[in-house]
Amino acid sequence: MPKAAKETVICHYRVKPGAEPEFVRLLRKHWPTLRRLGAVTAKKSLVYRGADGEGRPMFWEIFEWRSAEAFEKAHRHPEVLAIWEPMDALCEARGSNPNMEFPHVAPLALFE
């Protein structure tokens, strides 16, 4: 059976003002937990912090799921859900944007 391809995800979190310390505490556990459970590749996540036009905090986390199957299993694992559920509560929808977004992306080779 062929091995499923890695999937890169860019997680976009719209964190409630004042919730950053608790959110960062959970974010510090996020990738290490996924890694320990074998859901992501060894390539460490990249995390960025920024703000929207009104100065409200936003975070981005980029990492690679080991496979589509690993992605699906993570969505059912109690240790992962114990991180995701409080993360969800610390984020807020803004305008027509949801509190969190998770587009899966593929690299585009523009320069060789």
PDB file of N, CA and C in Angstrom:
ATOM      1  N   MET A   1       0.854  -1.186   0.000  1.00  0.00           N
ATOM      2  CA  MET A   1       0.000   0.000   0.000  1.00  0.00           C
ATOM      3  C   MET A   1       0.893   1.239   0.000  1.00  0.00           C
ATOM      4  N   PRO A   2       0.675   2.217  -0.905  1.00  0.00           N
ATOM      5  CA  PRO A   2       1.520   3.413  -0.946  1.00  0.00           C
ATOM      6  C   PRO A   2       1.312   4.294   0.287  1.00  0.00           C
ATOM      7  N   LYS A   3       2.400   4.929   0.686  1.00  0.00           N
ATOM      8  CA  LYS A   3       2.350   5.828   1.834  1.00  0.00           C
ATOM      9  C   LYS A   3       1.641   7.120   1.429  1.00  0.00           C
ATOM     10  N   ALA A   4       0.736   7.608   2.295  1.00  0.00           N
ATOM     11  CA  ALA A   4       0.014   8.849   2.018  1.00  0.00           C
ATOM     12  C   ALA A   4       0.976  10.036   2.104  1.00  0.00           C
ATOM     13  N   ALA A   5       0.743  11.035   1.299  1.00  0.00           N
ATOM     14  CA  ALA A   5       1.609  12.216   1.249  1.00  0.00           C
ATOM     15  C   ALA A   5       1.404  13.110   2.456  1.00  0.00           C
ATOM     16  N   LYS A   6       2.477  13.826   2.793  1.00  0.00           N
ATOM     17  CA  LYS A   6       2.398  14.830   3.855  1.00  0.00           C
ATOM     18  C   LYS A   6       1.428  15.923   3.428  1.00  0.00           C
ATOM     19  N   GLU A   7       0.840  16.571   4.425  1.00  0.00           N
ATOM     20  CA  GLU A   7      -0.064  17.687   4.170  1.00  0.00           C
ATOM     21  C   GLU A   7       0.361  18.862   5.037  1.00  0.00           C
ATOM     22  N   THR A   8       0.661  20.001   4.413  1.00  0.00           N
ATOM     23  CA  THR A   8       1.029  21.194   5.156  1.00  0.00           C
ATOM     24  C   THR A   8      -0.235  21.979   5.471  1.00  0.00           C
ATOM     25  N   VAL A   9      -0.317  22.472   6.699  1.00  0.00           N
ATOM     26  CA  VAL A   9      -1.474  23.264   7.131  1.00  0.00           C
ATOM     27  C   VAL A   9      -0.973  24.595   7.685  1.00  0.00           C
ATOM     28  N   ILE A  10      -1.715  25.645   7.391  1.00  0.00           N
ATOM     29  CA  ILE A  10      -1.451  26.959   7.980  1.00  0.00           C
ATOM     30  C   ILE A  10      -2.631  27.257   8.899  1.00  0.00           C
ATOM     31  N   CYS A  11      -2.394  27.146  10.193  1.00  0.00           N
ATOM     32  CA  CYS A  11      -3.441  27.397  11.180  1.00  0.00           C
ATOM     33  C   CYS A  11      -3.488  28.897  11.458  1.00  0.00           C
ATOM     34  N   HIS A  12      -4.655  29.480  11.368  1.00  0.00           N
ATOM     35  CA  HIS A  12      -4.833  30.909  11.618  1.00  0.00           C
ATOM     36  C   HIS A  12      -5.777  31.053  12.809  1.00  0.00           C
ATOM     37  N   TYR A  13      -5.257  31.628  13.872  1.00  0.00           N
ATOM     38  CA  TYR A  13      -6.006  31.770  15.117  1.00  0.00           C
ATOM     39  C   TYR A  13      -6.278  33.246  15.389  1.00  0.00           C
ATOM     40  N   ARG A  14      -7.526  33.621  15.589  1.00  0.00           N
ATOM     41  CA  ARG A  14      -7.909  34.983  15.976  1.00  0.00           C
ATOM     42  C   ARG A  14      -8.170  34.962  17.481  1.00  0.00           C
ATOM     43  N   VAL A  15      -7.145  35.288  18.237  1.00  0.00           N
ATOM     44  CA  VAL A  15      -7.179  35.141  19.697  1.00  0.00           C
ATOM     45  C   VAL A  15      -7.866  36.346  20.331  1.00  0.00           C
ATOM     46  N   LYS A  16      -8.711  36.067  21.321  1.00  0.00           N
ATOM     47  CA  LYS A  16      -9.397  37.130  22.051  1.00  0.00           C
ATOM     48  C   LYS A  16      -8.372  38.004  22.777  1.00  0.00           C
ATOM     49  N   PRO A  17      -8.561  39.325  22.742  1.00  0.00           N
ATOM     50  CA  PRO A  17      -7.662  40.197  23.506  1.00  0.00           C
ATOM     51  C   PRO A  17      -7.631  39.771  24.979  1.00  0.00           C
ATOM     52  N   GLY A  18      -6.439  39.708  25.540  1.00  0.00           N
ATOM     53  CA  GLY A  18      -6.264  39.289  26.927  1.00  0.00           C
ATOM     54  C   GLY A  18      -6.090  37.791  27.106  1.00  0.00           C
ATOM     55  N   ALA A  19      -6.379  37.015  26.070  1.00  0.00           N
ATOM     56  CA  ALA A  19      -6.288  35.557  26.168  1.00  0.00           C
ATOM     57  C   ALA A  19      -4.949  35.021  25.678  1.00  0.00           C
ATOM     58  N   GLU A  20      -4.039  35.921  25.256  1.00  0.00           N
ATOM     59  CA  GLU A  20      -2.783  35.471  24.671  1.00  0.00           C
ATOM     60  C   GLU A  20      -1.950  34.579  25.586  1.00  0.00           C
ATOM     61  N   PRO A  21      -1.769  34.913  26.882  1.00  0.00           N
ATOM     62  CA  PRO A  21      -0.917  34.046  27.713  1.00  0.00           C
ATOM     63  C   PRO A  21      -1.418  32.598  27.782  1.00  0.00           C
ATOM     64  N   GLU A  22      -2.703  32.423  27.958  1.00  0.00           N
ATOM     65  CA  GLU A  22      -3.258  31.065  28.025  1.00  0.00           C
ATOM     66  C   GLU A  22      -3.183  30.382  26.657  1.00  0.00           C
ATOM     67  N   PHE A  23      -3.425  31.142  25.599  1.00  0.00           N
ATOM     68  CA  PHE A  23      -3.339  30.575  24.257  1.00  0.00           C
ATOM     69  C   PHE A  23      -1.918  30.104  23.957  1.00  0.00           C
ATOM     70  N   VAL A  24      -0.931  30.928  24.290  1.00  0.00           N
ATOM     71  CA  VAL A  24       0.474  30.563  24.047  1.00  0.00           C
ATOM     72  C   VAL A  24       0.843  29.328  24.870  1.00  0.00           C
ATOM     73  N   ARG A  25       0.334  29.219  26.095  1.00  0.00           N
ATOM     74  CA  ARG A  25       0.594  28.030  26.914  1.00  0.00           C
ATOM     75  C   ARG A  25       0.115  26.775  26.189  1.00  0.00           C
ATOM     76  N   LEU A  26      -1.065  26.824  25.608  1.00  0.00           N
ATOM     77  CA  LEU A  26      -1.593  25.682  24.862  1.00  0.00           C
ATOM     78  C   LEU A  26      -0.819  25.465  23.566  1.00  0.00           C
ATOM     79  N   LEU A  27      -0.464  26.543  22.902  1.00  0.00           N
ATOM     80  CA  LEU A  27       0.276  26.445  21.650  1.00  0.00           C
ATOM     81  C   LEU A  27       1.641  25.782  21.865  1.00  0.00           C
ATOM     82  N   ARG A  28       2.259  26.033  23.013  1.00  0.00           N
ATOM     83  CA  ARG A  28       3.547  25.381  23.333  1.00  0.00           C
ATOM     84  C   ARG A  28       3.403  23.859  23.430  1.00  0.00           C
ATOM     85  N   LYS A  29       2.225  23.379  23.769  1.00  0.00           N
ATOM     86  CA  LYS A  29       1.973  21.943  23.893  1.00  0.00           C
ATOM     87  C   LYS A  29       1.476  21.325  22.590  1.00  0.00           C
ATOM     88  N   HIS A  30       0.964  22.156  21.692  1.00  0.00           N
ATOM     89  CA  HIS A  30       0.268  21.659  20.506  1.00  0.00           C
ATOM     90  C   HIS A  30       1.141  20.772  19.620  1.00  0.00           C
ATOM     91  N   TRP A  31       2.162  21.345  18.981  1.00  0.00           N
ATOM     92  CA  TRP A  31       2.997  20.558  18.075  1.00  0.00           C
ATOM     93  C   TRP A  31       3.697  19.408  18.792  1.00  0.00           C
ATOM     94  N   PRO A  32       4.291  19.635  19.994  1.00  0.00           N
ATOM     95  CA  PRO A  32       4.939  18.504  20.669  1.00  0.00           C
ATOM     96  C   PRO A  32       3.988  17.325  20.926  1.00  0.00           C
ATOM     97  N   THR A  33       2.740  17.624  21.239  1.00  0.00           N
ATOM     98  CA  THR A  33       1.769  16.545  21.453  1.00  0.00           C
ATOM     99  C   THR A  33       1.490  15.816  20.147  1.00  0.00           C
ATOM    100  N   LEU A  34       1.249  16.584  19.079  1.00  0.00           N
ATOM    101  CA  LEU A  34       1.012  15.961  17.770  1.00  0.00           C
ATOM    102  C   LEU A  34       2.204  15.115  17.344  1.00  0.00           C
ATOM    103  N   ARG A  35       3.407  15.596  17.621  1.00  0.00           N
ATOM    104  CA  ARG A  35       4.632  14.866  17.258  1.00  0.00           C
ATOM    105  C   ARG A  35       4.761  13.574  18.060  1.00  0.00           C
ATOM    106  N   ARG A  36       4.559  13.674  19.354  1.00  0.00           N
ATOM    107  CA  ARG A  36       4.665  12.498  20.215  1.00  0.00           C
ATOM    108  C   ARG A  36       3.671  11.413  19.793  1.00  0.00           C
ATOM    109  N   LEU A  37       2.513  11.837  19.305  1.00  0.00           N
ATOM    110  CA  LEU A  37       1.489  10.885  18.871  1.00  0.00           C
ATOM    111  C   LEU A  37       1.707  10.408  17.436  1.00  0.00           C
ATOM    112  N   GLY A  38       2.751  10.919  16.773  1.00  0.00           N
ATOM    113  CA  GLY A  38       3.067  10.477  15.424  1.00  0.00           C
ATOM    114  C   GLY A  38       2.187  11.079  14.346  1.00  0.00           C
ATOM    115  N   ALA A  39       1.517  12.185  14.637  1.00  0.00           N
ATOM    116  CA  ALA A  39       0.592  12.779  13.678  1.00  0.00           C
ATOM    117  C   ALA A  39       1.270  13.754  12.714  1.00  0.00           C
ATOM    118  N   VAL A  40       2.419  14.307  13.103  1.00  0.00           N
ATOM    119  CA  VAL A  40       3.102  15.301  12.282  1.00  0.00           C
ATOM    120  C   VAL A  40       4.521  14.838  11.979  1.00  0.00           C
ATOM    121  N   THR A  41       5.130  15.481  10.976  1.00  0.00           N
ATOM    122  CA  THR A  41       6.503  15.150  10.625  1.00  0.00           C
ATOM    123  C   THR A  41       7.453  15.741  11.668  1.00  0.00           C
ATOM    124  N   ALA A  42       8.722  15.413  11.555  1.00  0.00           N
ATOM    125  CA  ALA A  42       9.734  15.920  12.492  1.00  0.00           C
ATOM    126  C   ALA A  42      10.052  17.393  12.256  1.00  0.00           C
ATOM    127  N   LYS A  43       9.617  17.936  11.142  1.00  0.00           N
ATOM    128  CA  LYS A  43       9.847  19.351  10.853  1.00  0.00           C
ATOM    129  C   LYS A  43       9.037  20.185  11.848  1.00  0.00           C
ATOM    130  N   LYS A  44       9.744  20.925  12.715  1.00  0.00           N
ATOM    131  CA  LYS A  44       9.065  21.684  13.772  1.00  0.00           C
ATOM    132  C   LYS A  44       8.138  22.736  13.191  1.00  0.00           C
ATOM    133  N   SER A  45       7.095  23.026  13.928  1.00  0.00           N
ATOM    134  CA  SER A  45       6.142  24.035  13.480  1.00  0.00           C
ATOM    135  C   SER A  45       6.772  25.421  13.501  1.00  0.00           C
ATOM    136  N   LEU A  46       6.278  26.263  12.634  1.00  0.00           N
ATOM    137  CA  LEU A  46       6.641  27.678  12.624  1.00  0.00           C
ATOM    138  C   LEU A  46       5.459  28.430  13.204  1.00  0.00           C
ATOM    139  N   VAL A  47       5.716  29.346  14.128  1.00  0.00           N
ATOM    140  CA  VAL A  47       4.642  30.091  14.771  1.00  0.00           C
ATOM    141  C   VAL A  47       4.930  31.579  14.632  1.00  0.00           C
ATOM    142  N   TYR A  48       3.900  32.322  14.261  1.00  0.00           N
ATOM    143  CA  TYR A  48       4.007  33.770  14.084  1.00  0.00           C
ATOM    144  C   TYR A  48       2.906  34.452  14.878  1.00  0.00           C
ATOM    145  N   ARG A  49       3.217  35.650  15.368  1.00  0.00           N
ATOM    146  CA  ARG A  49       2.218  36.459  16.056  1.00  0.00           C
ATOM    147  C   ARG A  49       2.092  37.767  15.308  1.00  0.00           C
ATOM    148  N   GLY A  50       0.879  38.263  15.207  1.00  0.00           N
ATOM    149  CA  GLY A  50       0.617  39.542  14.565  1.00  0.00           C
ATOM    150  C   GLY A  50      -0.653  40.128  15.143  1.00  0.00           C
ATOM    151  N   ALA A  51      -1.187  41.123  14.463  1.00  0.00           N
ATOM    152  CA  ALA A  51      -2.418  41.766  14.914  1.00  0.00           C
ATOM    153  C   ALA A  51      -3.229  42.166  13.692  1.00  0.00           C
ATOM    154  N   ASP A  52      -4.526  42.247  13.884  1.00  0.00           N
ATOM    155  CA  ASP A  52      -5.378  42.714  12.795  1.00  0.00           C
ATOM    156  C   ASP A  52      -5.359  44.236  12.762  1.00  0.00           C
ATOM    157  N   GLY A  53      -6.156  44.841  11.907  1.00  0.00           N
ATOM    158  CA  GLY A  53      -6.178  46.283  11.743  1.00  0.00           C
ATOM    159  C   GLY A  53      -6.603  47.047  12.985  1.00  0.00           C
ATOM    160  N   GLU A  54      -7.231  46.353  13.913  1.00  0.00           N
ATOM    161  CA  GLU A  54      -7.666  46.984  15.158  1.00  0.00           C
ATOM    162  C   GLU A  54      -6.744  46.637  16.326  1.00  0.00           C
ATOM    163  N   GLY A  55      -5.635  45.978  16.023  1.00  0.00           N
ATOM    164  CA  GLY A  55      -4.669  45.639  17.067  1.00  0.00           C
ATOM    165  C   GLY A  55      -4.980  44.379  17.850  1.00  0.00           C
ATOM    166  N   ARG A  56      -5.987  43.643  17.435  1.00  0.00           N
ATOM    167  CA  ARG A  56      -6.339  42.406  18.140  1.00  0.00           C
ATOM    168  C   ARG A  56      -5.387  41.290  17.727  1.00  0.00           C
ATOM    169  N   PRO A  57      -5.002  40.429  18.672  1.00  0.00           N
ATOM    170  CA  PRO A  57      -3.972  39.420  18.390  1.00  0.00           C
ATOM    171  C   PRO A  57      -4.420  38.332  17.412  1.00  0.00           C
ATOM    172  N   MET A  58      -3.459  37.953  16.582  1.00  0.00           N
ATOM    173  CA  MET A  58      -3.637  36.836  15.668  1.00  0.00           C
ATOM    174  C   MET A  58      -2.355  36.009  15.704  1.00  0.00           C
ATOM    175  N   PHE A  59      -2.493  34.717  15.552  1.00  0.00           N
ATOM    176  CA  PHE A  59      -1.357  33.802  15.510  1.00  0.00           C
ATOM    177  C   PHE A  59      -1.510  32.913  14.287  1.00  0.00           C
ATOM    178  N   TRP A  60      -0.353  32.510  13.731  1.00  0.00           N
ATOM    179  CA  TRP A  60      -0.312  31.534  12.639  1.00  0.00           C
ATOM    180  C   TRP A  60       0.658  30.438  13.047  1.00  0.00           C
ATOM    181  N   GLU A  61       0.281  29.219  12.749  1.00  0.00           N
ATOM    182  CA  GLU A  61       1.138  28.062  13.022  1.00  0.00           C
ATOM    183  C   GLU A  61       1.157  27.223  11.752  1.00  0.00           C
ATOM    184  N   ILE A  62       2.358  26.887  11.296  1.00  0.00           N
ATOM    185  CA  ILE A  62       2.512  26.120  10.061  1.00  0.00           C
ATOM    186  C   ILE A  62       3.245  24.821  10.395  1.00  0.00           C
ATOM    187  N   PHE A  63       2.663  23.710  10.014  1.00  0.00           N
ATOM    188  CA  PHE A  63       3.320  22.429  10.237  1.00  0.00           C
ATOM    189  C   PHE A  63       2.847  21.415   9.210  1.00  0.00           C
ATOM    190  N   GLU A  64       3.480  20.250   9.220  1.00  0.00           N
ATOM    191  CA  GLU A  64       3.151  19.191   8.268  1.00  0.00           C
ATOM    192  C   GLU A  64       2.512  18.000   8.981  1.00  0.00           C
ATOM    193  N   TRP A  65       1.299  17.690   8.562  1.00  0.00           N
ATOM    194  CA  TRP A  65       0.709  16.428   8.991  1.00  0.00           C
ATOM    195  C   TRP A  65       1.491  15.314   8.320  1.00  0.00           C
ATOM    196  N   ARG A  66       1.688  14.226   9.025  1.00  0.00           N
ATOM    197  CA  ARG A  66       2.408  13.088   8.448  1.00  0.00           C
ATOM    198  C   ARG A  66       1.653  12.519   7.244  1.00  0.00           C
ATOM    199  N   SER A  67       0.323  12.534   7.327  1.00  0.00           N
ATOM    200  CA  SER A  67      -0.516  12.019   6.245  1.00  0.00           C
ATOM    201  C   SER A  67      -1.956  12.444   6.505  1.00  0.00           C
ATOM    202  N   ALA A  68      -2.803  12.231   5.515  1.00  0.00           N
ATOM    203  CA  ALA A  68      -4.228  12.508   5.688  1.00  0.00           C
ATOM    204  C   ALA A  68      -4.811  11.606   6.785  1.00  0.00           C
ATOM    205  N   GLU A  69      -4.317  10.386   6.862  1.00  0.00           N
ATOM    206  CA  GLU A  69      -4.788   9.456   7.897  1.00  0.00           C
ATOM    207  C   GLU A  69      -4.405   9.961   9.293  1.00  0.00           C
ATOM    208  N   ALA A  70      -3.183  10.470   9.428  1.00  0.00           N
ATOM    209  CA  ALA A  70      -2.742  11.011  10.720  1.00  0.00           C
ATOM    210  C   ALA A  70      -3.596  12.212  11.117  1.00  0.00           C
ATOM    211  N   PHE A  71      -3.931  13.040  10.150  1.00  0.00           N
ATOM    212  CA  PHE A  71      -4.809  14.185  10.365  1.00  0.00           C
ATOM    213  C   PHE A  71      -6.153  13.724  10.919  1.00  0.00           C
ATOM    214  N   GLU A  72      -6.723  12.702  10.301  1.00  0.00           N
ATOM    215  CA  GLU A  72      -8.026  12.184  10.745  1.00  0.00           C
ATOM    216  C   GLU A  72      -7.950  11.601  12.158  1.00  0.00           C
ATOM    217  N   LYS A  73      -6.886  10.850  12.445  1.00  0.00           N
ATOM    218  CA  LYS A  73      -6.738  10.253  13.777  1.00  0.00           C
ATOM    219  C   LYS A  73      -6.591  11.312  14.854  1.00  0.00           C
ATOM    220  N   ALA A  74      -5.856  12.381  14.551  1.00  0.00           N
ATOM    221  CA  ALA A  74      -5.663  13.456  15.532  1.00  0.00           C
ATOM    222  C   ALA A  74      -6.998  14.073  15.928  1.00  0.00           C
ATOM    223  N   HIS A  75      -7.930  14.133  14.993  1.00  0.00           N
ATOM    224  CA  HIS A  75      -9.233  14.736  15.273  1.00  0.00           C
ATOM    225  C   HIS A  75     -10.104  13.897  16.203  1.00  0.00           C
ATOM    226  N   ARG A  76      -9.633  12.703  16.522  1.00  0.00           N
ATOM    227  CA  ARG A  76     -10.374  11.843  17.444  1.00  0.00           C
ATOM    228  C   ARG A  76      -9.594  11.548  18.722  1.00  0.00           C
ATOM    229  N   HIS A  77      -8.348  12.006  18.804  1.00  0.00           N
ATOM    230  CA  HIS A  77      -7.498  11.645  19.938  1.00  0.00           C
ATOM    231  C   HIS A  77      -7.786  12.547  21.143  1.00  0.00           C
ATOM    232  N   PRO A  78      -8.045  11.958  22.318  1.00  0.00           N
ATOM    233  CA  PRO A  78      -8.401  12.758  23.498  1.00  0.00           C
ATOM    234  C   PRO A  78      -7.323  13.754  23.926  1.00  0.00           C
ATOM    235  N   GLU A  79      -6.043  13.411  23.755  1.00  0.00           N
ATOM    236  CA  GLU A  79      -4.983  14.354  24.148  1.00  0.00           C
ATOM    237  C   GLU A  79      -4.966  15.578  23.242  1.00  0.00           C
ATOM    238  N   VAL A  80      -5.253  15.369  21.982  1.00  0.00           N
ATOM    239  CA  VAL A  80      -5.294  16.484  21.033  1.00  0.00           C
ATOM    240  C   VAL A  80      -6.536  17.336  21.305  1.00  0.00           C
ATOM    241  N   LEU A  81      -7.663  16.688  21.500  1.00  0.00           N
ATOM    242  CA  LEU A  81      -8.896  17.417  21.783  1.00  0.00           C
ATOM    243  C   LEU A  81      -8.786  18.224  23.080  1.00  0.00           C
ATOM    244  N   ALA A  82      -8.003  17.738  24.029  1.00  0.00           N
ATOM    245  CA  ALA A  82      -7.804  18.463  25.295  1.00  0.00           C
ATOM    246  C   ALA A  82      -7.021  19.758  25.086  1.00  0.00           C
ATOM    247  N   ILE A  83      -6.356  19.892  23.954  1.00  0.00           N
ATOM    248  CA  ILE A  83      -5.663  21.142  23.593  1.00  0.00           C
ATOM    249  C   ILE A  83      -6.556  21.972  22.671  1.00  0.00           C
ATOM    250  N   TRP A  84      -7.134  21.326  21.677  1.00  0.00           N
ATOM    251  CA  TRP A  84      -7.923  22.059  20.680  1.00  0.00           C
ATOM    252  C   TRP A  84      -9.166  22.714  21.254  1.00  0.00           C
ATOM    253  N   GLU A  85      -9.869  22.040  22.144  1.00  0.00           N
ATOM    254  CA  GLU A  85     -11.115  22.609  22.669  1.00  0.00           C
ATOM    255  C   GLU A  85     -10.873  23.901  23.446  1.00  0.00           C
ATOM    256  N   PRO A  86      -9.887  23.960  24.366  1.00  0.00           N
ATOM    257  CA  PRO A  86      -9.644  25.246  25.021  1.00  0.00           C
ATOM    258  C   PRO A  86      -9.065  26.302  24.077  1.00  0.00           C
ATOM    259  N   MET A  87      -8.275  25.883  23.079  1.00  0.00           N
ATOM    260  CA  MET A  87      -7.779  26.846  22.088  1.00  0.00           C
ATOM    261  C   MET A  87      -8.956  27.498  21.370  1.00  0.00           C
ATOM    262  N   ASP A  88      -9.915  26.692  20.996  1.00  0.00           N
ATOM    263  CA  ASP A  88     -11.105  27.186  20.303  1.00  0.00           C
ATOM    264  C   ASP A  88     -11.828  28.241  21.150  1.00  0.00           C
ATOM    265  N   ALA A  89     -11.946  27.984  22.445  1.00  0.00           N
ATOM    266  CA  ALA A  89     -12.650  28.905  23.344  1.00  0.00           C
ATOM    267  C   ALA A  89     -11.897  30.217  23.538  1.00  0.00           C
ATOM    268  N   LEU A  90     -10.587  30.221  23.305  1.00  0.00           N
ATOM    269  CA  LEU A  90      -9.771  31.421  23.476  1.00  0.00           C
ATOM    270  C   LEU A  90      -9.729  32.288  22.210  1.00  0.00           C
ATOM    271  N   CYS A  91     -10.379  31.818  21.149  1.00  0.00           N
ATOM    272  CA  CYS A  91     -10.391  32.548  19.885  1.00  0.00           C
ATOM    273  C   CYS A  91     -11.795  33.088  19.622  1.00  0.00           C
ATOM    274  N   GLU A  92     -11.868  34.093  18.730  1.00  0.00           N
ATOM    275  CA  GLU A  92     -13.149  34.722  18.432  1.00  0.00           C
ATOM    276  C   GLU A  92     -13.308  34.940  16.932  1.00  0.00           C
ATOM    277  N   ALA A  93     -14.549  34.860  16.471  1.00  0.00           N
ATOM    278  CA  ALA A  93     -14.861  35.207  15.098  1.00  0.00           C
ATOM    279  C   ALA A  93     -14.768  36.724  14.967  1.00  0.00           C
ATOM    280  N   ARG A  94     -14.345  37.175  13.803  1.00  0.00           N
ATOM    281  CA  ARG A  94     -14.239  38.619  13.554  1.00  0.00           C
ATOM    282  C   ARG A  94     -14.844  38.924  12.192  1.00  0.00           C
ATOM    283  N   GLY A  95     -15.878  39.760  12.210  1.00  0.00           N
ATOM    284  CA  GLY A  95     -16.562  40.074  10.960  1.00  0.00           C
ATOM    285  C   GLY A  95     -17.092  38.796  10.339  1.00  0.00           C
ATOM    286  N   SER A  96     -16.769  38.560   9.091  1.00  0.00           N
ATOM    287  CA  SER A  96     -17.223  37.337   8.418  1.00  0.00           C
ATOM    288  C   SER A  96     -16.206  36.205   8.540  1.00  0.00           C
ATOM    289  N   ASN A  97     -15.141  36.419   9.323  1.00  0.00           N
ATOM    290  CA  ASN A  97     -14.097  35.405   9.483  1.00  0.00           C
ATOM    291  C   ASN A  97     -14.345  34.554  10.721  1.00  0.00           C
ATOM    292  N   PRO A  98     -14.141  33.249  10.605  1.00  0.00           N
ATOM    293  CA  PRO A  98     -14.315  32.381  11.773  1.00  0.00           C
ATOM    294  C   PRO A  98     -13.202  32.597  12.793  1.00  0.00           C
ATOM    295  N   ASN A  99     -13.353  32.037  13.969  1.00  0.00           N
ATOM    296  CA  ASN A  99     -12.334  32.202  15.015  1.00  0.00           C
ATOM    297  C   ASN A  99     -11.012  31.538  14.644  1.00  0.00           C
ATOM    298  N   MET A 100     -11.063  30.456  13.875  1.00  0.00           N
ATOM    299  CA  MET A 100      -9.858  29.748  13.454  1.00  0.00           C
ATOM    300  C   MET A 100     -10.067  29.229  12.029  1.00  0.00           C
ATOM    301  N   GLU A 101      -8.967  29.163  11.268  1.00  0.00           N
ATOM    302  CA  GLU A 101      -9.012  28.605   9.922  1.00  0.00           C
ATOM    303  C   GLU A 101      -7.817  27.676   9.745  1.00  0.00           C
ATOM    304  N   PHE A 102      -7.971  26.637   8.923  1.00  0.00           N
ATOM    305  CA  PHE A 102      -6.931  25.623   8.758  1.00  0.00           C
ATOM    306  C   PHE A 102      -6.769  25.200   7.300  1.00  0.00           C
ATOM    307  N   PRO A 103      -6.381  26.105   6.412  1.00  0.00           N
ATOM    308  CA  PRO A 103      -6.205  25.684   5.021  1.00  0.00           C
ATOM    309  C   PRO A 103      -4.999  24.749   4.882  1.00  0.00           C
ATOM    310  N   HIS A 104      -5.209  23.683   4.134  1.00  0.00           N
ATOM    311  CA  HIS A 104      -4.119  22.780   3.770  1.00  0.00           C
ATOM    312  C   HIS A 104      -3.561  23.293   2.454  1.00  0.00           C
ATOM    313  N   VAL A 105      -2.244  23.393   2.385  1.00  0.00           N
ATOM    314  CA  VAL A 105      -1.593  24.006   1.225  1.00  0.00           C
ATOM    315  C   VAL A 105      -0.516  23.097   0.670  1.00  0.00           C
ATOM    316  N   ALA A 106      -0.101  23.385  -0.546  1.00  0.00           N
ATOM    317  CA  ALA A 106       0.988  22.660  -1.197  1.00  0.00           C
ATOM    318  C   ALA A 106       2.012  23.690  -1.673  1.00  0.00           C
ATOM    319  N   PRO A 107       3.297  23.347  -1.621  1.00  0.00           N
ATOM    320  CA  PRO A 107       4.316  24.289  -2.075  1.00  0.00           C
ATOM    321  C   PRO A 107       4.200  24.539  -3.583  1.00  0.00           C
ATOM    322  N   LEU A 108       4.560  25.730  -3.956  1.00  0.00           N
ATOM    323  CA  LEU A 108       4.560  26.131  -5.357  1.00  0.00           C
ATOM    324  C   LEU A 108       5.976  26.545  -5.715  1.00  0.00           C
ATOM    325  N   ALA A 109       6.619  25.799  -6.585  1.00  0.00           N
ATOM    326  CA  ALA A 109       8.014  26.074  -6.951  1.00  0.00           C
ATOM    327  C   ALA A 109       8.032  27.159  -8.021  1.00  0.00           C
ATOM    328  N   LEU A 110       8.335  28.374  -7.624  1.00  0.00           N
ATOM    329  CA  LEU A 110       8.397  29.494  -8.548  1.00  0.00           C
ATOM    330  C   LEU A 110       9.821  29.766  -9.032  1.00  0.00           C
ATOM    331  N   PHE A 111      10.784  29.476  -8.180  1.00  0.00           N
ATOM    332  CA  PHE A 111      12.173  29.789  -8.490  1.00  0.00           C
ATOM    333  C   PHE A 111      13.027  28.534  -8.345  1.00  0.00           C
ATOM    334  N   GLU A 112      13.738  28.206  -9.381  1.00  0.00           N
ATOM    335  CA  GLU A 112      14.593  27.030  -9.319  1.00  0.00           C
ATOM    336  C   GLU A 112      15.992  27.379  -9.737  1.00  0.00           C
TER     337      GLU A 112
END
